[in-house]
Amino acid sequence: MSVWQVMERIHSQFQASTSEVAALPLHGLSAKTGEGAQDLLPAAMHLYDTWNKRLTTSRLNNWREKVIFAACHAVNVDLCYR
C-alpha cells in the first residue's frame, strides 16, 4: 500500500467520524524531503479565513427565511438555537 493510499484511507475515516470537517482538503507533507510544505501555509490561511467569516444577523435571517420557505412553504417557522 502506498503512502497516498494510506493518507486517503485516514482521510476517509476522518471524514466519516467528524461531520464538521467533512469537506476539508487533504494535504500531504513529507518530513524527509519537505515535499508539500509550500502548500501548507496557504491552505491553513484559506481554512482560517473560511471558518472565521462573519455574517450579519439580518443577512443570516434573510437566508434562513428563503431556505425555510423553499423547503416547506411556511412563513412562520420558529427555530430553537442551542
Protein backbone atom coordinates (compact mmCIF):
# COMPACT_ATOMS: atom_id res chain seq x y z
CA MET A 1 0.00 0.00 0.00
CA SER A 2 1.44 3.38 -0.99
CA VAL A 3 1.73 6.40 1.26
CA TRP A 4 -1.03 8.17 -0.69
CA GLN A 5 -3.37 5.19 -0.29
CA VAL A 6 -2.76 5.26 3.47
CA MET A 7 -3.44 9.01 3.55
CA GLU A 8 -6.64 8.57 1.57
CA ARG A 9 -7.80 5.84 3.96
CA ILE A 10 -7.05 8.03 7.01
CA HIS A 11 -8.79 10.98 5.37
CA SER A 12 -11.93 8.98 4.57
CA GLN A 13 -12.11 7.63 8.13
CA PHE A 14 -11.63 11.14 9.49
CA GLN A 15 -14.38 12.50 7.26
CA ALA A 16 -16.79 9.78 8.34
CA SER A 17 -16.17 10.42 12.03
CA THR A 18 -16.36 14.24 12.04
CA SER A 19 -19.13 15.85 10.02
CA GLU A 20 -17.97 19.41 10.80
CA VAL A 21 -14.81 18.95 8.79
CA ALA A 22 -16.02 16.57 6.10
CA ALA A 23 -15.04 18.95 3.30
CA LEU A 24 -11.51 19.66 4.49
CA PRO A 25 -8.85 19.08 1.86
CA LEU A 26 -6.11 16.51 2.25
CA HIS A 27 -2.55 17.87 2.13
CA GLY A 28 0.42 15.57 2.09
CA LEU A 29 3.69 16.64 3.68
CA SER A 30 6.97 14.75 3.62
CA ALA A 31 9.14 15.17 6.71
CA LYS A 32 12.04 13.63 4.85
CA THR A 33 12.04 15.71 1.65
CA GLY A 34 9.83 18.66 2.59
CA GLU A 35 7.56 17.95 -0.36
CA GLY A 36 4.19 19.63 0.10
CA ALA A 37 5.43 22.15 2.67
CA GLN A 38 4.94 25.07 0.26
CA ASP A 39 1.20 24.30 0.07
CA LEU A 40 0.60 24.00 3.80
CA LEU A 41 0.57 27.66 4.91
CA PRO A 42 -1.68 28.93 2.08
CA ALA A 43 -4.11 26.07 2.78
CA ALA A 44 -4.13 26.85 6.51
CA MET A 45 -4.75 30.55 5.84
CA HIS A 46 -7.61 29.72 3.46
CA LEU A 47 -9.22 27.47 6.07
CA TYR A 48 -8.78 30.14 8.75
CA ASP A 49 -10.44 32.77 6.55
CA THR A 50 -13.28 30.42 5.62
CA TRP A 51 -14.06 29.29 9.19
CA ASN A 52 -13.86 32.82 10.60
CA LYS A 53 -16.26 34.56 8.24
CA ARG A 54 -18.82 36.68 9.98
CA LEU A 55 -22.34 37.26 8.76
CA THR A 56 -24.66 39.98 9.92
CA THR A 57 -27.79 38.81 11.69
CA SER A 58 -30.04 40.32 9.02
CA ARG A 59 -28.19 38.54 6.21
CA LEU A 60 -28.36 35.24 8.08
CA ASN A 61 -32.08 35.69 8.85
CA ASN A 62 -32.85 36.55 5.22
CA TRP A 63 -31.05 33.39 4.07
CA ARG A 64 -32.84 31.30 6.72
CA GLU A 65 -36.26 32.60 5.65
CA LYS A 66 -35.57 31.81 1.98
CA VAL A 67 -34.40 28.29 2.78
CA ILE A 68 -37.29 27.51 5.13
CA PHE A 69 -39.88 28.94 2.74
CA ALA A 70 -38.42 26.98 -0.17
CA ALA A 71 -38.32 23.77 1.86
CA CYS A 72 -41.76 23.82 3.45
CA HIS A 73 -43.63 26.83 2.01
CA ALA A 74 -44.23 28.15 5.50
CA VAL A 75 -43.95 31.75 6.58
CA ASN A 76 -43.58 31.39 10.35
CA VAL A 77 -41.19 28.70 11.47
CA ASP A 78 -39.51 29.18 14.82
CA LEU A 79 -36.05 27.75 15.26
CA CYS A 80 -34.55 26.88 18.61
CA TYR A 81 -30.86 27.75 18.90
CA ARG A 82 -28.88 25.82 21.50
